[in-house]
Amino acid sequence: RRTTKVMFDWPNITVPSSSEQGLKPGDGDLQRSTCVLGFFPVIYYSSLLCVGVPVNILTAVALSRLAARTKKAMHVYLLALTGSDILSQLFIIFVGFLLETAVFHREVPTLLLRSVSMAEFAANHASIWATVPLTVDRYVALCHPLLHRQISYPARAWRIITVVFSLALLSGIPFFWWSDMWRVARPPTSLDSALIWTHVMIIYFLPCSIFLVLNLLIIHRLQVRQRQRCLGKSTAMLLAITSAFAILWAPRTIVVIYHLYVSSVHKDWRVHLAYDLSNMLAMLNTAVNFFLYCFVSKPFRASVRDVLLLRGGSVRDKRSHRDYQPHPPNTLQG
């Protein structure tokens, strides 16, 4: 009987302790929402992990080759983004969704749960904010090409990424006290409200505002130059990455705010369902960049092909290096 309940109530099958909720045993159990998706989330996250980790590792190897050949800061930022996506997949999908929820059903020490939550948020923030310096770099390259030649180089990019990752690690510390939305029966407290708004500002509203402003400036510069049909590979890649993020993370941001002010995940199965589906969409963002790079960038496709065929690509290296030489100041960075 317990096995049947686990199969159909996953992932909301762990009754919170009385001390954790401040309730008498049994209070609120009848109102607990169930997961109507059954074991579909387990299948989805397992598939996403099996696809996402290998393609991200392949992306990292291909970008490492491009970074070594071209000496461009852009590839350093893309490499950092790929690394943070791998961390997100391991901490959030593998440890958080699969191990803690599907295997152990959150029946693990509270200290471990909270520590993993802190690591999940830190990896999540790193994955999102690694895109910000890439966006700034592309904006400077297009709108201020002379300045870009002076300030954009791999060593500086690595220093910037180190700062971003350090700040992401620090930003995860407050989320040690993040409430488990699937288990908490009580209404959100002032601490929950502060953490939720901090979360949505860090993972969505702030980065999306930066992406929107800089992308609009880039598009405006393209229109001024009347070069709309020659967008440039790096600019097209940037627009694809930021657009995919904004679209895939929007539902989760909306559901989290709805949970805070309207109805909780714990009490309403519809909110529970929306939260499950929005989490699935958000995590899809950690696996799509490889396909975006392949679609947009011919040098990236060539590098991936060399990696898969175990080729050094000496002739291809020379051609790719020539293709990536800096453009004159009045042309687009591609």
C-alpha atoms as a PDB file:
ATOM      1  CA  ARG A   1       0.000   0.000   0.000  1.00  0.00           C
ATOM      2  CA  ARG A   2       2.760   2.410   0.829  1.00  0.00           C
ATOM      3  CA  THR A   3       4.446   1.668  -2.530  1.00  0.00           C
ATOM      4  CA  THR A   4       1.231   2.483  -4.385  1.00  0.00           C
ATOM      5  CA  LYS A   5       0.905   5.765  -2.535  1.00  0.00           C
ATOM      6  CA  VAL A   6       4.486   6.723  -3.386  1.00  0.00           C
ATOM      7  CA  MET A   7       3.887   6.049  -7.073  1.00  0.00           C
ATOM      8  CA  PHE A   8       0.853   8.270  -7.365  1.00  0.00           C
ATOM      9  CA  ASP A   9       1.602  10.967  -4.825  1.00  0.00           C
ATOM     10  CA  TRP A  10       5.188  11.706  -5.862  1.00  0.00           C
ATOM     11  CA  PRO A  11       6.791  14.107  -5.107  1.00  0.00           C
ATOM     12  CA  ASN A  12       4.492  15.345  -2.325  1.00  0.00           C
ATOM     13  CA  ILE A  13       4.454  12.219  -0.207  1.00  0.00           C
ATOM     14  CA  THR A  14       6.431  13.194   2.879  1.00  0.00           C
ATOM     15  CA  VAL A  15       4.381  14.407   5.798  1.00  0.00           C
ATOM     16  CA  PRO A  16       6.226  17.234   7.570  1.00  0.00           C
ATOM     17  CA  SER A  17       7.098  16.734  11.181  1.00  0.00           C
ATOM     18  CA  SER A  18       4.973  18.337  13.874  1.00  0.00           C
ATOM     19  CA  SER A  19       7.896  20.411  15.131  1.00  0.00           C
ATOM     20  CA  GLU A  20       8.644  21.669  11.630  1.00  0.00           C
ATOM     21  CA  GLN A  21       5.106  22.807  10.931  1.00  0.00           C
ATOM     22  CA  GLY A  22       3.932  23.788  14.383  1.00  0.00           C
ATOM     23  CA  LEU A  23       0.874  21.544  13.916  1.00  0.00           C
ATOM     24  CA  LYS A  24      -0.514  18.554  15.680  1.00  0.00           C
ATOM     25  CA  PRO A  25       0.038  15.238  13.954  1.00  0.00           C
ATOM     26  CA  GLY A  26      -2.429  14.805  11.144  1.00  0.00           C
ATOM     27  CA  ASP A  27      -3.284  18.501  10.778  1.00  0.00           C
ATOM     28  CA  GLY A  28      -3.473  19.520   7.169  1.00  0.00           C
ATOM     29  CA  ASP A  29      -2.825  16.027   5.809  1.00  0.00           C
ATOM     30  CA  LEU A  30      -6.226  15.810   4.144  1.00  0.00           C
ATOM     31  CA  GLN A  31      -5.621  19.069   2.335  1.00  0.00           C
ATOM     32  CA  ARG A  32      -2.228  18.098   1.007  1.00  0.00           C
ATOM     33  CA  SER A  33      -2.099  18.310  -2.773  1.00  0.00           C
ATOM     34  CA  THR A  34      -1.094  15.223  -4.708  1.00  0.00           C
ATOM     35  CA  CYS A  35       1.111  14.983  -7.759  1.00  0.00           C
ATOM     36  CA  VAL A  36      -1.225  14.104 -10.625  1.00  0.00           C
ATOM     37  CA  LEU A  37       1.736  13.480 -12.943  1.00  0.00           C
ATOM     38  CA  GLY A  38       2.634  10.220 -11.213  1.00  0.00           C
ATOM     39  CA  PHE A  39       6.079   8.984 -12.207  1.00  0.00           C
ATOM     40  CA  PHE A  40       6.287  11.156 -15.316  1.00  0.00           C
ATOM     41  CA  PRO A  41       8.588  13.713 -13.582  1.00  0.00           C
ATOM     42  CA  VAL A  42      11.036  10.913 -12.708  1.00  0.00           C
ATOM     43  CA  ILE A  43      11.123   9.778 -16.339  1.00  0.00           C
ATOM     44  CA  TYR A  44      11.426  13.356 -17.586  1.00  0.00           C
ATOM     45  CA  TYR A  45      14.261  14.365 -15.258  1.00  0.00           C
ATOM     46  CA  SER A  46      16.107  11.098 -15.832  1.00  0.00           C
ATOM     47  CA  SER A  47      15.897  11.610 -19.593  1.00  0.00           C
ATOM     48  CA  LEU A  48      16.924  15.244 -19.263  1.00  0.00           C
ATOM     49  CA  LEU A  49      19.931  14.244 -17.178  1.00  0.00           C
ATOM     50  CA  CYS A  50      20.948  11.475 -19.595  1.00  0.00           C
ATOM     51  CA  VAL A  51      20.820  13.903 -22.516  1.00  0.00           C
ATOM     52  CA  GLY A  52      21.868  17.130 -20.814  1.00  0.00           C
ATOM     53  CA  VAL A  53      25.068  16.041 -19.067  1.00  0.00           C
ATOM     54  CA  PRO A  54      26.684  14.377 -22.135  1.00  0.00           C
ATOM     55  CA  VAL A  55      25.813  17.219 -24.522  1.00  0.00           C
ATOM     56  CA  ASN A  56      27.056  19.803 -22.022  1.00  0.00           C
ATOM     57  CA  ILE A  57      30.318  17.911 -21.578  1.00  0.00           C
ATOM     58  CA  LEU A  58      30.645  17.763 -25.366  1.00  0.00           C
ATOM     59  CA  THR A  59      29.895  21.496 -25.493  1.00  0.00           C
ATOM     60  CA  ALA A  60      32.570  22.203 -22.885  1.00  0.00           C
ATOM     61  CA  VAL A  61      35.204  20.266 -24.817  1.00  0.00           C
ATOM     62  CA  ALA A  62      34.283  21.933 -28.118  1.00  0.00           C
ATOM     63  CA  LEU A  63      34.267  25.407 -26.545  1.00  0.00           C
ATOM     64  CA  SER A  64      37.614  24.717 -24.863  1.00  0.00           C
ATOM     65  CA  ARG A  65      39.111  24.026 -28.285  1.00  0.00           C
ATOM     66  CA  LEU A  66      37.581  27.181 -29.729  1.00  0.00           C
ATOM     67  CA  ALA A  67      38.764  29.238 -26.768  1.00  0.00           C
ATOM     68  CA  ALA A  68      42.323  27.924 -27.169  1.00  0.00           C
ATOM     69  CA  ARG A  69      42.317  28.633 -30.910  1.00  0.00           C
ATOM     70  CA  THR A  70      40.598  31.984 -31.102  1.00  0.00           C
ATOM     71  CA  LYS A  71      41.593  33.614 -27.775  1.00  0.00           C
ATOM     72  CA  LYS A  72      38.162  35.256 -27.593  1.00  0.00           C
ATOM     73  CA  ALA A  73      36.492  36.201 -24.326  1.00  0.00           C
ATOM     74  CA  MET A  74      33.113  35.162 -25.719  1.00  0.00           C
ATOM     75  CA  HIS A  75      34.114  31.489 -25.675  1.00  0.00           C
ATOM     76  CA  VAL A  76      35.263  31.816 -22.072  1.00  0.00           C
ATOM     77  CA  TYR A  77      31.828  33.123 -21.081  1.00  0.00           C
ATOM     78  CA  LEU A  78      30.102  30.344 -23.025  1.00  0.00           C
ATOM     79  CA  LEU A  79      32.380  27.789 -21.370  1.00  0.00           C
ATOM     80  CA  ALA A  80      31.482  29.160 -17.931  1.00  0.00           C
ATOM     81  CA  LEU A  81      27.789  29.027 -18.815  1.00  0.00           C
ATOM     82  CA  THR A  82      28.158  25.393 -19.855  1.00  0.00           C
ATOM     83  CA  GLY A  83      29.980  24.505 -16.640  1.00  0.00           C
ATOM     84  CA  SER A  84      27.295  26.132 -14.502  1.00  0.00           C
ATOM     85  CA  ASP A  85      24.605  24.262 -16.450  1.00  0.00           C
ATOM     86  CA  ILE A  86      26.356  20.998 -15.594  1.00  0.00           C
ATOM     87  CA  LEU A  87      26.418  21.980 -11.911  1.00  0.00           C
ATOM     88  CA  SER A  88      22.706  22.814 -12.056  1.00  0.00           C
ATOM     89  CA  GLN A  89      21.935  19.443 -13.605  1.00  0.00           C
ATOM     90  CA  LEU A  90      23.911  17.588 -10.942  1.00  0.00           C
ATOM     91  CA  PHE A  91      22.693  19.522  -7.886  1.00  0.00           C
ATOM     92  CA  ILE A  92      19.122  20.384  -8.894  1.00  0.00           C
ATOM     93  CA  ILE A  93      18.049  17.537 -11.173  1.00  0.00           C
ATOM     94  CA  PHE A  94      20.133  14.594  -9.941  1.00  0.00           C
ATOM     95  CA  VAL A  95      20.445  15.338  -6.214  1.00  0.00           C
ATOM     96  CA  GLY A  96      17.351  17.475  -5.667  1.00  0.00           C
ATOM     97  CA  PHE A  97      14.642  16.030  -7.892  1.00  0.00           C
ATOM     98  CA  LEU A  98      15.806  12.431  -8.362  1.00  0.00           C
ATOM     99  CA  LEU A  99      17.727  11.387  -5.233  1.00  0.00           C
ATOM    100  CA  GLU A 100      16.042  13.419  -2.498  1.00  0.00           C
ATOM    101  CA  THR A 101      12.525  13.414  -3.928  1.00  0.00           C
ATOM    102  CA  ALA A 102      12.095  10.248  -5.981  1.00  0.00           C
ATOM    103  CA  VAL A 103      14.455   7.880  -4.148  1.00  0.00           C
ATOM    104  CA  PHE A 104      14.513   9.048  -0.518  1.00  0.00           C
ATOM    105  CA  HIS A 105      11.183  10.923  -0.583  1.00  0.00           C
ATOM    106  CA  ARG A 106      12.875  13.686   1.439  1.00  0.00           C
ATOM    107  CA  GLU A 107      13.270  11.318   4.393  1.00  0.00           C
ATOM    108  CA  VAL A 108      16.771  12.621   5.059  1.00  0.00           C
ATOM    109  CA  PRO A 109      18.152  14.877   7.793  1.00  0.00           C
ATOM    110  CA  THR A 110      16.864  18.444   7.646  1.00  0.00           C
ATOM    111  CA  LEU A 111      20.407  19.816   7.737  1.00  0.00           C
ATOM    112  CA  LEU A 112      21.263  17.857   4.594  1.00  0.00           C
ATOM    113  CA  LEU A 113      18.079  19.018   2.855  1.00  0.00           C
ATOM    114  CA  ARG A 114      18.837  22.648   3.605  1.00  0.00           C
ATOM    115  CA  SER A 115      22.501  22.329   2.614  1.00  0.00           C
ATOM    116  CA  VAL A 116      21.573  20.803  -0.727  1.00  0.00           C
ATOM    117  CA  SER A 117      18.977  23.547  -1.218  1.00  0.00           C
ATOM    118  CA  MET A 118      21.683  26.145  -0.698  1.00  0.00           C
ATOM    119  CA  ALA A 119      23.922  24.428  -3.271  1.00  0.00           C
ATOM    120  CA  GLU A 120      21.033  24.186  -5.740  1.00  0.00           C
ATOM    121  CA  PHE A 121      20.310  27.896  -5.582  1.00  0.00           C
ATOM    122  CA  ALA A 122      24.001  28.782  -5.876  1.00  0.00           C
ATOM    123  CA  ALA A 123      24.363  26.617  -9.013  1.00  0.00           C
ATOM    124  CA  ASN A 124      21.122  28.041 -10.389  1.00  0.00           C
ATOM    125  CA  HIS A 125      22.296  31.627  -9.882  1.00  0.00           C
ATOM    126  CA  ALA A 126      25.672  30.858 -11.465  1.00  0.00           C
ATOM    127  CA  SER A 127      23.976  29.323 -14.504  1.00  0.00           C
ATOM    128  CA  ILE A 128      21.817  32.402 -15.050  1.00  0.00           C
ATOM    129  CA  TRP A 129      24.304  35.134 -14.214  1.00  0.00           C
ATOM    130  CA  ALA A 130      27.070  33.622 -16.340  1.00  0.00           C
ATOM    131  CA  THR A 131      25.030  34.898 -19.279  1.00  0.00           C
ATOM    132  CA  VAL A 132      25.192  38.513 -18.078  1.00  0.00           C
ATOM    133  CA  PRO A 133      28.905  39.176 -18.809  1.00  0.00           C
ATOM    134  CA  LEU A 134      28.425  37.457 -22.177  1.00  0.00           C
ATOM    135  CA  THR A 135      25.612  39.912 -22.955  1.00  0.00           C
ATOM    136  CA  VAL A 136      27.713  42.870 -21.849  1.00  0.00           C
ATOM    137  CA  ASP A 137      30.638  41.624 -23.944  1.00  0.00           C
ATOM    138  CA  ARG A 138      28.488  41.360 -27.078  1.00  0.00           C
ATOM    139  CA  TYR A 139      27.008  44.807 -26.475  1.00  0.00           C
ATOM    140  CA  VAL A 140      30.461  46.381 -26.131  1.00  0.00           C
ATOM    141  CA  ALA A 141      31.724  44.473 -29.181  1.00  0.00           C
ATOM    142  CA  LEU A 142      28.940  45.809 -31.358  1.00  0.00           C
ATOM    143  CA  CYS A 143      28.367  49.295 -29.978  1.00  0.00           C
ATOM    144  CA  HIS A 144      31.895  50.174 -28.799  1.00  0.00           C
ATOM    145  CA  PRO A 145      34.287  48.055 -30.904  1.00  0.00           C
ATOM    146  CA  LEU A 146      37.427  50.080 -30.114  1.00  0.00           C
ATOM    147  CA  LEU A 147      36.811  49.743 -26.366  1.00  0.00           C
ATOM    148  CA  HIS A 148      36.058  46.045 -26.833  1.00  0.00           C
ATOM    149  CA  ARG A 149      39.500  45.452 -28.364  1.00  0.00           C
ATOM    150  CA  GLN A 150      41.093  46.950 -25.245  1.00  0.00           C
ATOM    151  CA  ILE A 151      39.078  45.301 -22.469  1.00  0.00           C
ATOM    152  CA  SER A 152      37.911  41.959 -23.908  1.00  0.00           C
ATOM    153  CA  TYR A 153      40.471  39.169 -23.613  1.00  0.00           C
ATOM    154  CA  PRO A 154      40.419  35.681 -22.027  1.00  0.00           C
ATOM    155  CA  ALA A 155      42.358  36.469 -18.833  1.00  0.00           C
ATOM    156  CA  ARG A 156      39.986  39.309 -17.985  1.00  0.00           C
ATOM    157  CA  ALA A 157      36.989  37.125 -18.824  1.00  0.00           C
ATOM    158  CA  TRP A 158      38.193  34.427 -16.418  1.00  0.00           C
ATOM    159  CA  ARG A 159      38.533  37.020 -13.640  1.00  0.00           C
ATOM    160  CA  ILE A 160      34.997  38.240 -14.291  1.00  0.00           C
ATOM    161  CA  ILE A 161      33.654  34.687 -14.244  1.00  0.00           C
ATOM    162  CA  THR A 162      35.466  34.024 -10.958  1.00  0.00           C
ATOM    163  CA  VAL A 163      33.727  37.035  -9.403  1.00  0.00           C
ATOM    164  CA  VAL A 164      30.335  35.966 -10.801  1.00  0.00           C
ATOM    165  CA  PHE A 165      30.688  32.425  -9.463  1.00  0.00           C
ATOM    166  CA  SER A 166      31.852  33.673  -6.051  1.00  0.00           C
ATOM    167  CA  LEU A 167      28.856  35.994  -5.790  1.00  0.00           C
ATOM    168  CA  ALA A 168      26.558  33.166  -6.903  1.00  0.00           C
ATOM    169  CA  LEU A 169      27.956  30.964  -4.132  1.00  0.00           C
ATOM    170  CA  LEU A 170      27.382  33.678  -1.547  1.00  0.00           C
ATOM    171  CA  SER A 171      23.878  34.372  -2.863  1.00  0.00           C
ATOM    172  CA  GLY A 172      22.928  30.759  -2.191  1.00  0.00           C
ATOM    173  CA  ILE A 173      23.552  31.025   1.566  1.00  0.00           C
ATOM    174  CA  PRO A 174      20.224  32.730   2.501  1.00  0.00           C
ATOM    175  CA  PHE A 175      18.343  29.925   0.754  1.00  0.00           C
ATOM    176  CA  PHE A 176      19.488  27.524   3.460  1.00  0.00           C
ATOM    177  CA  TRP A 177      16.183  28.632   5.034  1.00  0.00           C
ATOM    178  CA  TRP A 178      14.085  28.146   1.865  1.00  0.00           C
ATOM    179  CA  SER A 179      10.788  26.412   2.657  1.00  0.00           C
ATOM    180  CA  ASP A 180       9.923  23.198   0.850  1.00  0.00           C
ATOM    181  CA  MET A 181       6.791  24.235  -1.038  1.00  0.00           C
ATOM    182  CA  TRP A 182       5.586  20.639  -1.421  1.00  0.00           C
ATOM    183  CA  ARG A 183       5.638  19.987   2.335  1.00  0.00           C
ATOM    184  CA  VAL A 184       4.858  23.234   4.149  1.00  0.00           C
ATOM    185  CA  ALA A 185       1.186  23.404   5.123  1.00  0.00           C
ATOM    186  CA  ARG A 186       1.268  26.787   6.871  1.00  0.00           C
ATOM    187  CA  PRO A 187       0.829  30.058   4.962  1.00  0.00           C
ATOM    188  CA  PRO A 188       4.081  31.683   3.769  1.00  0.00           C
ATOM    189  CA  THR A 189       5.792  33.694   6.496  1.00  0.00           C
ATOM    190  CA  SER A 190       7.586  37.021   6.167  1.00  0.00           C
ATOM    191  CA  LEU A 191      10.849  35.076   5.793  1.00  0.00           C
ATOM    192  CA  ASP A 192       9.295  33.009   2.992  1.00  0.00           C
ATOM    193  CA  SER A 193       8.110  36.190   1.299  1.00  0.00           C
ATOM    194  CA  ALA A 194      11.559  37.783   1.529  1.00  0.00           C
ATOM    195  CA  LEU A 195      13.272  34.674   0.169  1.00  0.00           C
ATOM    196  CA  ILE A 196      10.776  34.213  -2.672  1.00  0.00           C
ATOM    197  CA  TRP A 197      11.110  37.822  -3.817  1.00  0.00           C
ATOM    198  CA  THR A 198      14.894  37.630  -3.511  1.00  0.00           C
ATOM    199  CA  HIS A 199      14.772  34.438  -5.557  1.00  0.00           C
ATOM    200  CA  VAL A 200      12.636  35.798  -8.397  1.00  0.00           C
ATOM    201  CA  MET A 201      14.645  39.018  -8.529  1.00  0.00           C
ATOM    202  CA  ILE A 202      17.965  37.146  -8.747  1.00  0.00           C
ATOM    203  CA  ILE A 203      16.907  34.426 -11.173  1.00  0.00           C
ATOM    204  CA  TYR A 204      14.521  36.344 -13.408  1.00  0.00           C
ATOM    205  CA  PHE A 205      13.676  40.026 -13.085  1.00  0.00           C
ATOM    206  CA  LEU A 206      17.198  41.445 -12.710  1.00  0.00           C
ATOM    207  CA  PRO A 207      18.920  39.357 -15.427  1.00  0.00           C
ATOM    208  CA  CYS A 208      15.954  39.714 -17.791  1.00  0.00           C
ATOM    209  CA  SER A 209      16.040  43.487 -17.343  1.00  0.00           C
ATOM    210  CA  ILE A 210      19.728  43.518 -18.283  1.00  0.00           C
ATOM    211  CA  PHE A 211      19.128  41.231 -21.265  1.00  0.00           C
ATOM    212  CA  LEU A 212      16.188  43.334 -22.464  1.00  0.00           C
ATOM    213  CA  VAL A 213      18.001  46.664 -22.260  1.00  0.00           C
ATOM    214  CA  LEU A 214      21.251  45.485 -23.869  1.00  0.00           C
ATOM    215  CA  ASN A 215      19.515  43.448 -26.558  1.00  0.00           C
ATOM    216  CA  LEU A 216      17.340  46.431 -27.480  1.00  0.00           C
ATOM    217  CA  LEU A 217      20.466  48.588 -27.746  1.00  0.00           C
ATOM    218  CA  ILE A 218      22.088  45.950 -29.948  1.00  0.00           C
ATOM    219  CA  ILE A 219      19.028  45.728 -32.201  1.00  0.00           C
ATOM    220  CA  HIS A 220      18.864  49.516 -32.406  1.00  0.00           C
ATOM    221  CA  ARG A 221      22.507  49.645 -33.473  1.00  0.00           C
ATOM    222  CA  LEU A 222      21.810  47.026 -36.131  1.00  0.00           C
ATOM    223  CA  GLN A 223      18.917  49.097 -37.441  1.00  0.00           C
ATOM    224  CA  VAL A 224      21.014  52.234 -37.505  1.00  0.00           C
ATOM    225  CA  ARG A 225      23.636  50.436 -39.547  1.00  0.00           C
ATOM    226  CA  GLN A 226      20.941  48.914 -41.737  1.00  0.00           C
ATOM    227  CA  ARG A 227      22.541  45.525 -41.319  1.00  0.00           C
ATOM    228  CA  GLN A 228      19.476  43.580 -40.154  1.00  0.00           C
ATOM    229  CA  ARG A 229      20.128  40.783 -42.654  1.00  0.00           C
ATOM    230  CA  CYS A 230      23.683  40.395 -41.369  1.00  0.00           C
ATOM    231  CA  LEU A 231      22.999  39.812 -37.724  1.00  0.00           C
ATOM    232  CA  GLY A 232      26.307  38.153 -36.879  1.00  0.00           C
ATOM    233  CA  LYS A 233      26.661  34.671 -35.422  1.00  0.00           C
ATOM    234  CA  SER A 234      27.652  35.762 -31.932  1.00  0.00           C
ATOM    235  CA  THR A 235      24.802  38.284 -31.746  1.00  0.00           C
ATOM    236  CA  ALA A 236      22.292  35.710 -33.003  1.00  0.00           C
ATOM    237  CA  MET A 237      23.609  33.218 -30.440  1.00  0.00           C
ATOM    238  CA  LEU A 238      23.213  35.768 -27.650  1.00  0.00           C
ATOM    239  CA  LEU A 239      19.628  36.575 -28.640  1.00  0.00           C
ATOM    240  CA  ALA A 240      18.810  32.853 -28.794  1.00  0.00           C
ATOM    241  CA  ILE A 241      20.311  32.127 -25.357  1.00  0.00           C
ATOM    242  CA  THR A 242      18.614  35.038 -23.584  1.00  0.00           C
ATOM    243  CA  SER A 243      15.262  34.468 -25.329  1.00  0.00           C
ATOM    244  CA  ALA A 244      15.254  30.775 -24.394  1.00  0.00           C
ATOM    245  CA  PHE A 245      15.990  31.672 -20.776  1.00  0.00           C
ATOM    246  CA  ALA A 246      13.239  34.323 -20.595  1.00  0.00           C
ATOM    247  CA  ILE A 247      10.643  31.960 -22.089  1.00  0.00           C
ATOM    248  CA  LEU A 248      11.519  28.820 -20.126  1.00  0.00           C
ATOM    249  CA  TRP A 249      11.845  30.516 -16.729  1.00  0.00           C
ATOM    250  CA  ALA A 250       8.785  32.787 -16.951  1.00  0.00           C
ATOM    251  CA  PRO A 251       6.211  30.112 -15.907  1.00  0.00           C
ATOM    252  CA  ARG A 252       8.142  29.150 -12.771  1.00  0.00           C
ATOM    253  CA  THR A 253       8.503  32.784 -11.730  1.00  0.00           C
ATOM    254  CA  ILE A 254       4.755  33.308 -12.101  1.00  0.00           C
ATOM    255  CA  VAL A 255       3.858  30.139 -10.178  1.00  0.00           C
ATOM    256  CA  VAL A 256       6.189  30.972  -7.273  1.00  0.00           C
ATOM    257  CA  ILE A 257       4.607  34.422  -6.881  1.00  0.00           C
ATOM    258  CA  TYR A 258       1.118  32.891  -7.210  1.00  0.00           C
ATOM    259  CA  HIS A 259       2.022  30.404  -4.460  1.00  0.00           C
ATOM    260  CA  LEU A 260       3.025  33.310  -2.237  1.00  0.00           C
ATOM    261  CA  TYR A 261      -0.087  35.478  -2.606  1.00  0.00           C
ATOM    262  CA  VAL A 262      -2.985  33.344  -3.867  1.00  0.00           C
ATOM    263  CA  SER A 263      -2.818  29.625  -3.150  1.00  0.00           C
ATOM    264  CA  SER A 264      -0.057  27.372  -1.903  1.00  0.00           C
ATOM    265  CA  VAL A 265       1.409  24.376  -3.675  1.00  0.00           C
ATOM    266  CA  HIS A 266       0.626  22.288  -0.594  1.00  0.00           C
ATOM    267  CA  LYS A 267      -3.141  22.879  -0.651  1.00  0.00           C
ATOM    268  CA  ASP A 268      -4.087  23.210  -4.336  1.00  0.00           C
ATOM    269  CA  TRP A 269      -3.320  20.360  -6.734  1.00  0.00           C
ATOM    270  CA  ARG A 270      -3.586  22.760  -9.675  1.00  0.00           C
ATOM    271  CA  VAL A 271      -0.828  24.954  -8.259  1.00  0.00           C
ATOM    272  CA  HIS A 272       1.140  21.801  -7.493  1.00  0.00           C
ATOM    273  CA  LEU A 273       0.747  20.690 -11.129  1.00  0.00           C
ATOM    274  CA  ALA A 274       1.720  24.122 -12.432  1.00  0.00           C
ATOM    275  CA  TYR A 275       4.792  24.144 -10.182  1.00  0.00           C
ATOM    276  CA  ASP A 276       5.869  20.691 -11.403  1.00  0.00           C
ATOM    277  CA  LEU A 277       5.458  21.636 -15.070  1.00  0.00           C
ATOM    278  CA  SER A 278       7.159  25.018 -14.654  1.00  0.00           C
ATOM    279  CA  ASN A 279      10.127  23.342 -12.935  1.00  0.00           C
ATOM    280  CA  MET A 280      10.408  20.971 -15.888  1.00  0.00           C
ATOM    281  CA  LEU A 281      10.454  23.858 -18.349  1.00  0.00           C
ATOM    282  CA  ALA A 282      13.013  25.788 -16.301  1.00  0.00           C
ATOM    283  CA  MET A 283      15.367  22.808 -16.076  1.00  0.00           C
ATOM    284  CA  LEU A 284      15.090  22.286 -19.823  1.00  0.00           C
ATOM    285  CA  ASN A 285      17.095  25.494 -20.130  1.00  0.00           C
ATOM    286  CA  THR A 286      20.182  23.653 -18.842  1.00  0.00           C
ATOM    287  CA  ALA A 287      20.206  21.332 -21.878  1.00  0.00           C
ATOM    288  CA  VAL A 288      19.151  23.452 -24.874  1.00  0.00           C
ATOM    289  CA  ASN A 289      22.223  25.652 -25.367  1.00  0.00           C
ATOM    290  CA  PHE A 290      24.168  22.929 -27.182  1.00  0.00           C
ATOM    291  CA  PHE A 291      21.476  22.759 -29.852  1.00  0.00           C
ATOM    292  CA  LEU A 292      21.314  26.551 -30.109  1.00  0.00           C
ATOM    293  CA  TYR A 293      25.082  26.713 -30.646  1.00  0.00           C
ATOM    294  CA  CYS A 294      24.920  24.000 -33.302  1.00  0.00           C
ATOM    295  CA  PHE A 295      22.102  25.784 -35.113  1.00  0.00           C
ATOM    296  CA  VAL A 296      23.790  29.201 -35.118  1.00  0.00           C
ATOM    297  CA  SER A 297      27.551  28.645 -35.239  1.00  0.00           C
ATOM    298  CA  LYS A 298      29.383  26.840 -38.040  1.00  0.00           C
ATOM    299  CA  PRO A 299      32.767  26.920 -36.195  1.00  0.00           C
ATOM    300  CA  PHE A 300      31.094  25.326 -33.163  1.00  0.00           C
ATOM    301  CA  ARG A 301      29.632  22.565 -35.329  1.00  0.00           C
ATOM    302  CA  ALA A 302      33.069  21.977 -36.850  1.00  0.00           C
ATOM    303  CA  SER A 303      34.640  21.807 -33.385  1.00  0.00           C
ATOM    304  CA  VAL A 304      31.988  19.319 -32.203  1.00  0.00           C
ATOM    305  CA  ARG A 305      32.602  17.199 -35.280  1.00  0.00           C
ATOM    306  CA  ASP A 306      36.339  17.182 -34.585  1.00  0.00           C
ATOM    307  CA  VAL A 307      35.723  16.149 -30.968  1.00  0.00           C
ATOM    308  CA  LEU A 308      33.368  13.317 -31.926  1.00  0.00           C
ATOM    309  CA  LEU A 309      35.756  12.058 -34.617  1.00  0.00           C
ATOM    310  CA  LEU A 310      38.766  12.461 -32.292  1.00  0.00           C
ATOM    311  CA  ARG A 311      40.482  14.730 -34.800  1.00  0.00           C
ATOM    312  CA  GLY A 312      43.043  17.372 -34.014  1.00  0.00           C
ATOM    313  CA  GLY A 313      41.823  19.392 -36.994  1.00  0.00           C
ATOM    314  CA  SER A 314      45.126  21.103 -37.806  1.00  0.00           C
ATOM    315  CA  VAL A 315      43.969  22.363 -41.191  1.00  0.00           C
ATOM    316  CA  ARG A 316      40.596  23.275 -39.771  1.00  0.00           C
ATOM    317  CA  ASP A 317      42.302  25.088 -36.887  1.00  0.00           C
ATOM    318  CA  LYS A 318      44.054  27.443 -39.288  1.00  0.00           C
ATOM    319  CA  ARG A 319      40.878  28.132 -41.232  1.00  0.00           C
ATOM    320  CA  SER A 320      38.839  28.676 -38.058  1.00  0.00           C
ATOM    321  CA  HIS A 321      41.522  30.935 -36.613  1.00  0.00           C
ATOM    322  CA  ARG A 322      41.468  33.018 -39.768  1.00  0.00           C
ATOM    323  CA  ASP A 323      37.657  33.191 -39.636  1.00  0.00           C
ATOM    324  CA  TYR A 324      37.809  34.444 -36.056  1.00  0.00           C
ATOM    325  CA  GLN A 325      40.321  37.228 -36.593  1.00  0.00           C
ATOM    326  CA  PRO A 326      39.044  40.553 -35.180  1.00  0.00           C
ATOM    327  CA  HIS A 327      36.798  42.467 -37.545  1.00  0.00           C
ATOM    328  CA  PRO A 328      37.484  46.072 -38.509  1.00  0.00           C
ATOM    329  CA  PRO A 329      35.826  48.581 -36.141  1.00  0.00           C
ATOM    330  CA  ASN A 330      32.987  49.334 -38.540  1.00  0.00           C
ATOM    331  CA  THR A 331      31.856  45.730 -38.947  1.00  0.00           C
ATOM    332  CA  LEU A 332      29.894  43.310 -36.788  1.00  0.00           C
ATOM    333  CA  GLN A 333      31.533  40.864 -34.500  1.00  0.00           C
ATOM    334  CA  GLY A 334      30.443  37.470 -35.800  1.00  0.00           C
END
